Each structure stands twice: as C-alpha cells, then as structure tokens.
Amino acid sequence: MDEVRLPAGAMLPEVKGLRGPLTCLNEARFGIIWGVMGAARSCFASALNYAKTRIQFDRPIGSFQLVQKKLADMSLELNKGTLLAYHLGRMKEAGRLLPQHVSLGKLNNTRAALEIARTSRGIHGANGITLEYPIMRHMTNLESVITYEGTEEVHTLVIGETLTGLRAFT
C-alpha cells in the first residue's frame, strides 16, 4: 500500500510545533470542566430524591442529620464547581483564559464530581451500585475522566509550577 504523506503544516497550516495539538487538548479539557459538573448534578439530584423518598425507621432518610450534612456538602461542591466553570468561561470569552486556569478547573471539578458521586452512592446504600440509579455509570466515567486529558498528577504539577515559578517536571 502506498504511503500518504502530507506536506509539513498541512493539517494546521498556521501552527508550528505542538501548539496546535495542545490547543485542541486545552479545548477538550475546558469541556470536561463543564461535563463533570453535569455528572455531579445528576448524582446529587438522585441522592436528594432518594433521601426524600427512602423510608427507614418510619421516616425518610433525608430527615437524619448525617444525610442532611452529606447533601449540604454535595450541594456546596456542586455549586462551587459550576461557578468555577462559569468564571473560566467568562475568562475564555474575554481572551484571558490560560492553560493553567484550565488545569485548575479540570483538577478541581473532576475531584469534586467524583466525591459527589461517591457520597451519592453512599446515600443510596446498596441501591447505589444498581443500574436503577445513574450513580455507578457516572462514577466509572469520572474515574476515567480524572485520568485522561491530563492526569490528576500532571494538573497538580502545572498548578504547583504556576504558584512557585519552579518546574517540577521536564
């Protein structure tokens, strides 16, 4: 079979080096910042509904203090992550968004979404692992999202370098 060769710069003619692929990667990471909050919102909504309707000891489990604390914490993290995504979107619109901002958003929001999913699974008890609820589907997706488009460790080092001005990896 004949090999197809493209002239240098044919794919991204105005881009030199890795800038083009890394820009595409940054765009994908920006989308993840929003997407994981959607998964978190689904898990939170499921947990909230379950807590209101699941009866244990003759009352909804949502009436117990620990369940209310978990729901309150989930709501806080969901709202903070959504506000962060919104803020980064505004920075992007203004042309001020840097790759380091995207690393911060991806790292924060994937961690928060995964914790919300885990807490939701706990509120659902044994039902949290069944296919009747969306929790495990979101959890498995979030476990992969925290790894691809830059691992948790890479984004941590990007943020660390931004804070210190010292490069920890080469």
C-alpha atoms as a PDB file:
ATOM      1  CA  MET A   1       0.000   0.000   0.000  1.00  0.00           C
ATOM      2  CA  ASP A   2       1.297   3.445  -0.875  1.00  0.00           C
ATOM      3  CA  GLU A   3       2.064   5.750   1.997  1.00  0.00           C
ATOM      4  CA  VAL A   4       0.144   9.015   2.092  1.00  0.00           C
ATOM      5  CA  ARG A   5       2.312  11.959   3.024  1.00  0.00           C
ATOM      6  CA  LEU A   6       1.063  15.416   3.812  1.00  0.00           C
ATOM      7  CA  PRO A   7       3.286  18.439   3.428  1.00  0.00           C
ATOM      8  CA  ALA A   8       4.540  19.923   6.703  1.00  0.00           C
ATOM      9  CA  GLY A   9       1.877  22.135   8.243  1.00  0.00           C
ATOM     10  CA  ALA A  10      -0.927  20.778   6.040  1.00  0.00           C
ATOM     11  CA  MET A  11      -3.173  19.798   8.966  1.00  0.00           C
ATOM     12  CA  LEU A  12      -2.821  23.041  10.891  1.00  0.00           C
ATOM     13  CA  PRO A  13      -1.139  25.370   8.409  1.00  0.00           C
ATOM     14  CA  GLU A  14      -0.819  28.384  10.727  1.00  0.00           C
ATOM     15  CA  VAL A  15       0.610  26.395  13.645  1.00  0.00           C
ATOM     16  CA  LYS A  16       4.182  25.374  14.334  1.00  0.00           C
ATOM     17  CA  GLY A  17       5.265  22.659  16.733  1.00  0.00           C
ATOM     18  CA  LEU A  18       2.961  21.253  19.375  1.00  0.00           C
ATOM     19  CA  ARG A  19       0.941  24.414  19.819  1.00  0.00           C
ATOM     20  CA  GLY A  20      -1.956  23.185  17.647  1.00  0.00           C
ATOM     21  CA  PRO A  21      -2.434  19.786  19.284  1.00  0.00           C
ATOM     22  CA  LEU A  22      -2.003  21.279  22.757  1.00  0.00           C
ATOM     23  CA  THR A  23      -4.599  23.948  21.974  1.00  0.00           C
ATOM     24  CA  CYS A  24      -7.037  21.211  20.960  1.00  0.00           C
ATOM     25  CA  LEU A  25      -6.250  19.349  24.168  1.00  0.00           C
ATOM     26  CA  ASN A  26      -6.894  22.502  26.176  1.00  0.00           C
ATOM     27  CA  GLU A  27     -10.298  22.898  24.493  1.00  0.00           C
ATOM     28  CA  ALA A  28     -11.186  19.313  25.396  1.00  0.00           C
ATOM     29  CA  ARG A  29     -10.127  19.913  28.996  1.00  0.00           C
ATOM     30  CA  PHE A  30     -12.290  23.020  29.128  1.00  0.00           C
ATOM     31  CA  GLY A  31     -15.275  20.915  28.063  1.00  0.00           C
ATOM     32  CA  ILE A  32     -14.515  18.429  30.817  1.00  0.00           C
ATOM     33  CA  ILE A  33     -14.733  21.214  33.399  1.00  0.00           C
ATOM     34  CA  TRP A  34     -18.407  21.567  32.476  1.00  0.00           C
ATOM     35  CA  GLY A  35     -19.175  17.922  31.713  1.00  0.00           C
ATOM     36  CA  VAL A  36     -18.132  16.569  35.084  1.00  0.00           C
ATOM     37  CA  MET A  37     -20.420  19.069  36.786  1.00  0.00           C
ATOM     38  CA  GLY A  38     -23.294  17.615  34.771  1.00  0.00           C
ATOM     39  CA  ALA A  39     -22.468  14.141  36.083  1.00  0.00           C
ATOM     40  CA  ALA A  40     -22.180  15.548  39.612  1.00  0.00           C
ATOM     41  CA  ARG A  41     -25.548  17.279  39.269  1.00  0.00           C
ATOM     42  CA  SER A  42     -27.170  14.010  38.181  1.00  0.00           C
ATOM     43  CA  CYS A  43     -25.695  12.150  41.160  1.00  0.00           C
ATOM     44  CA  PHE A  44     -26.729  14.910  43.557  1.00  0.00           C
ATOM     45  CA  ALA A  45     -30.295  15.038  42.184  1.00  0.00           C
ATOM     46  CA  SER A  46     -30.592  11.274  42.511  1.00  0.00           C
ATOM     47  CA  ALA A  47     -29.312  11.340  46.105  1.00  0.00           C
ATOM     48  CA  LEU A  48     -31.620  14.202  47.063  1.00  0.00           C
ATOM     49  CA  ASN A  49     -34.668  12.469  45.617  1.00  0.00           C
ATOM     50  CA  TYR A  50     -33.675   9.164  47.206  1.00  0.00           C
ATOM     51  CA  ALA A  51     -33.158  10.811  50.607  1.00  0.00           C
ATOM     52  CA  LYS A  52     -36.653  12.300  50.443  1.00  0.00           C
ATOM     53  CA  THR A  53     -38.374   9.078  49.428  1.00  0.00           C
ATOM     54  CA  ARG A  54     -36.426   6.232  51.066  1.00  0.00           C
ATOM     55  CA  ILE A  55     -38.110   5.356  54.334  1.00  0.00           C
ATOM     56  CA  GLN A  56     -36.065   3.892  57.163  1.00  0.00           C
ATOM     57  CA  PHE A  57     -37.194   3.672  60.806  1.00  0.00           C
ATOM     58  CA  ASP A  58     -40.573   5.096  59.762  1.00  0.00           C
ATOM     59  CA  ARG A  59     -39.188   8.302  58.247  1.00  0.00           C
ATOM     60  CA  PRO A  60     -37.297   9.474  55.153  1.00  0.00           C
ATOM     61  CA  ILE A  61     -33.532   9.059  55.453  1.00  0.00           C
ATOM     62  CA  GLY A  62     -33.265  12.723  54.469  1.00  0.00           C
ATOM     63  CA  SER A  63     -34.519  13.603  57.937  1.00  0.00           C
ATOM     64  CA  PHE A  64     -31.341  12.257  59.525  1.00  0.00           C
ATOM     65  CA  GLN A  65     -28.595  14.752  60.373  1.00  0.00           C
ATOM     66  CA  LEU A  66     -25.745  12.879  58.683  1.00  0.00           C
ATOM     67  CA  VAL A  67     -27.673  12.538  55.425  1.00  0.00           C
ATOM     68  CA  GLN A  68     -28.534  16.255  55.501  1.00  0.00           C
ATOM     69  CA  LYS A  69     -24.846  17.082  56.096  1.00  0.00           C
ATOM     70  CA  LYS A  70     -23.833  14.958  53.117  1.00  0.00           C
ATOM     71  CA  LEU A  71     -26.460  16.621  50.912  1.00  0.00           C
ATOM     72  CA  ALA A  72     -25.401  20.087  52.053  1.00  0.00           C
ATOM     73  CA  ASP A  73     -21.723  19.325  51.356  1.00  0.00           C
ATOM     74  CA  MET A  74     -22.572  17.898  47.934  1.00  0.00           C
ATOM     75  CA  SER A  75     -24.604  20.998  47.097  1.00  0.00           C
ATOM     76  CA  LEU A  76     -21.750  23.299  48.131  1.00  0.00           C
ATOM     77  CA  GLU A  77     -19.194  21.459  45.984  1.00  0.00           C
ATOM     78  CA  LEU A  78     -21.570  21.263  43.025  1.00  0.00           C
ATOM     79  CA  ASN A  79     -22.274  24.980  43.165  1.00  0.00           C
ATOM     80  CA  LYS A  80     -18.604  25.923  43.639  1.00  0.00           C
ATOM     81  CA  GLY A  81     -17.571  23.769  40.680  1.00  0.00           C
ATOM     82  CA  THR A  82     -20.310  25.208  38.482  1.00  0.00           C
ATOM     83  CA  LEU A  83     -19.350  28.748  39.454  1.00  0.00           C
ATOM     84  CA  LEU A  84     -15.701  27.968  38.678  1.00  0.00           C
ATOM     85  CA  ALA A  85     -16.679  26.650  35.239  1.00  0.00           C
ATOM     86  CA  TYR A  86     -18.787  29.739  34.628  1.00  0.00           C
ATOM     87  CA  HIS A  87     -15.951  32.043  35.717  1.00  0.00           C
ATOM     88  CA  LEU A  88     -13.470  30.259  33.465  1.00  0.00           C
ATOM     89  CA  GLY A  89     -15.964  30.540  30.611  1.00  0.00           C
ATOM     90  CA  ARG A  90     -16.125  34.291  31.139  1.00  0.00           C
ATOM     91  CA  MET A  91     -12.325  34.453  31.148  1.00  0.00           C
ATOM     92  CA  LYS A  92     -12.283  32.464  27.903  1.00  0.00           C
ATOM     93  CA  GLU A  93     -14.767  34.860  26.296  1.00  0.00           C
ATOM     94  CA  ALA A  94     -12.545  37.772  27.356  1.00  0.00           C
ATOM     95  CA  GLY A  95      -9.438  36.092  25.917  1.00  0.00           C
ATOM     96  CA  ARG A  96      -7.798  35.817  29.348  1.00  0.00           C
ATOM     97  CA  LEU A  97      -8.008  32.046  29.896  1.00  0.00           C
ATOM     98  CA  LEU A  98      -4.604  30.380  30.261  1.00  0.00           C
ATOM     99  CA  PRO A  99      -3.840  26.643  30.154  1.00  0.00           C
ATOM    100  CA  GLN A 100      -3.040  26.839  33.870  1.00  0.00           C
ATOM    101  CA  HIS A 101      -6.602  28.041  34.557  1.00  0.00           C
ATOM    102  CA  VAL A 102      -7.945  25.074  32.621  1.00  0.00           C
ATOM    103  CA  SER A 103      -5.726  22.711  34.642  1.00  0.00           C
ATOM    104  CA  LEU A 104      -7.085  24.219  37.850  1.00  0.00           C
ATOM    105  CA  GLY A 105     -10.680  23.825  36.656  1.00  0.00           C
ATOM    106  CA  LYS A 106     -10.249  20.259  35.426  1.00  0.00           C
ATOM    107  CA  LEU A 107      -8.455  19.138  38.575  1.00  0.00           C
ATOM    108  CA  ASN A 108     -10.933  20.778  40.953  1.00  0.00           C
ATOM    109  CA  ASN A 109     -14.110  19.809  39.144  1.00  0.00           C
ATOM    110  CA  THR A 110     -13.182  16.175  38.452  1.00  0.00           C
ATOM    111  CA  ARG A 111     -12.189  15.702  42.092  1.00  0.00           C
ATOM    112  CA  ALA A 112     -15.398  17.359  43.307  1.00  0.00           C
ATOM    113  CA  ALA A 113     -17.607  15.419  40.896  1.00  0.00           C
ATOM    114  CA  LEU A 114     -16.051  12.118  41.897  1.00  0.00           C
ATOM    115  CA  GLU A 115     -16.541  12.891  45.590  1.00  0.00           C
ATOM    116  CA  ILE A 116     -20.179  13.872  44.945  1.00  0.00           C
ATOM    117  CA  ALA A 117     -20.730  10.591  43.086  1.00  0.00           C
ATOM    118  CA  ARG A 118     -19.146   8.596  45.920  1.00  0.00           C
ATOM    119  CA  THR A 119     -21.253  10.363  48.546  1.00  0.00           C
ATOM    120  CA  SER A 120     -24.364   9.835  46.451  1.00  0.00           C
ATOM    121  CA  ARG A 121     -23.574   6.134  46.203  1.00  0.00           C
ATOM    122  CA  GLY A 122     -23.338   6.030  49.992  1.00  0.00           C
ATOM    123  CA  ILE A 123     -26.692   7.756  50.468  1.00  0.00           C
ATOM    124  CA  HIS A 124     -28.270   5.212  48.132  1.00  0.00           C
ATOM    125  CA  GLY A 125     -26.839   2.395  50.239  1.00  0.00           C
ATOM    126  CA  ALA A 126     -26.800  -0.939  48.399  1.00  0.00           C
ATOM    127  CA  ASN A 127     -29.039   0.588  45.726  1.00  0.00           C
ATOM    128  CA  GLY A 128     -26.159   2.902  44.806  1.00  0.00           C
ATOM    129  CA  ILE A 129     -24.443   0.155  42.830  1.00  0.00           C
ATOM    130  CA  THR A 130     -27.505  -0.953  40.862  1.00  0.00           C
ATOM    131  CA  LEU A 131     -28.356   0.130  37.339  1.00  0.00           C
ATOM    132  CA  GLU A 132     -31.660   1.546  38.610  1.00  0.00           C
ATOM    133  CA  TYR A 133     -29.793   4.727  39.542  1.00  0.00           C
ATOM    134  CA  PRO A 134     -27.197   6.651  37.470  1.00  0.00           C
ATOM    135  CA  ILE A 135     -24.507   6.696  40.142  1.00  0.00           C
ATOM    136  CA  MET A 136     -22.177   3.875  39.084  1.00  0.00           C
ATOM    137  CA  ARG A 137     -22.335   4.862  35.416  1.00  0.00           C
ATOM    138  CA  HIS A 138     -21.203   8.360  36.341  1.00  0.00           C
ATOM    139  CA  MET A 139     -18.587   7.075  38.792  1.00  0.00           C
ATOM    140  CA  THR A 140     -16.915   4.856  36.201  1.00  0.00           C
ATOM    141  CA  ASN A 141     -16.924   7.697  33.677  1.00  0.00           C
ATOM    142  CA  LEU A 142     -15.494  10.107  36.244  1.00  0.00           C
ATOM    143  CA  GLU A 143     -12.749   7.633  37.191  1.00  0.00           C
ATOM    144  CA  SER A 144     -11.618   7.640  33.565  1.00  0.00           C
ATOM    145  CA  VAL A 145     -12.042  11.421  33.152  1.00  0.00           C
ATOM    146  CA  ILE A 146      -9.769  12.126  36.102  1.00  0.00           C
ATOM    147  CA  THR A 147      -7.050  10.265  34.182  1.00  0.00           C
ATOM    148  CA  TYR A 148      -7.416  11.265  30.537  1.00  0.00           C
ATOM    149  CA  GLU A 149      -6.799  14.717  29.070  1.00  0.00           C
ATOM    150  CA  GLY A 150      -4.008  15.046  31.620  1.00  0.00           C
ATOM    151  CA  THR A 151      -3.787  13.036  34.798  1.00  0.00           C
ATOM    152  CA  GLU A 152      -4.518  14.415  38.227  1.00  0.00           C
ATOM    153  CA  GLU A 153      -0.779  14.446  38.921  1.00  0.00           C
ATOM    154  CA  VAL A 154       0.076  16.427  35.782  1.00  0.00           C
ATOM    155  CA  HIS A 155      -2.511  19.109  36.540  1.00  0.00           C
ATOM    156  CA  THR A 156      -1.280  19.275  40.127  1.00  0.00           C
ATOM    157  CA  LEU A 157       2.252  19.922  38.864  1.00  0.00           C
ATOM    158  CA  VAL A 158       1.040  22.570  36.395  1.00  0.00           C
ATOM    159  CA  ILE A 159      -0.657  24.399  39.259  1.00  0.00           C
ATOM    160  CA  GLY A 160       2.385  23.933  41.516  1.00  0.00           C
ATOM    161  CA  GLU A 161       4.684  25.394  38.876  1.00  0.00           C
ATOM    162  CA  THR A 162       2.344  28.343  38.380  1.00  0.00           C
ATOM    163  CA  LEU A 163       2.322  29.025  42.120  1.00  0.00           C
ATOM    164  CA  THR A 164       6.046  28.630  42.744  1.00  0.00           C
ATOM    165  CA  GLY A 165       7.551  29.512  39.395  1.00  0.00           C
ATOM    166  CA  LEU A 166       9.624  26.326  39.759  1.00  0.00           C
ATOM    167  CA  ARG A 167       9.309  23.477  37.262  1.00  0.00           C
ATOM    168  CA  ALA A 168       8.874  20.080  38.969  1.00  0.00           C
ATOM    169  CA  PHE A 169       8.829  18.005  35.792  1.00  0.00           C
ATOM    170  CA  THR A 170      10.584  18.126  32.445  1.00  0.00           C
END
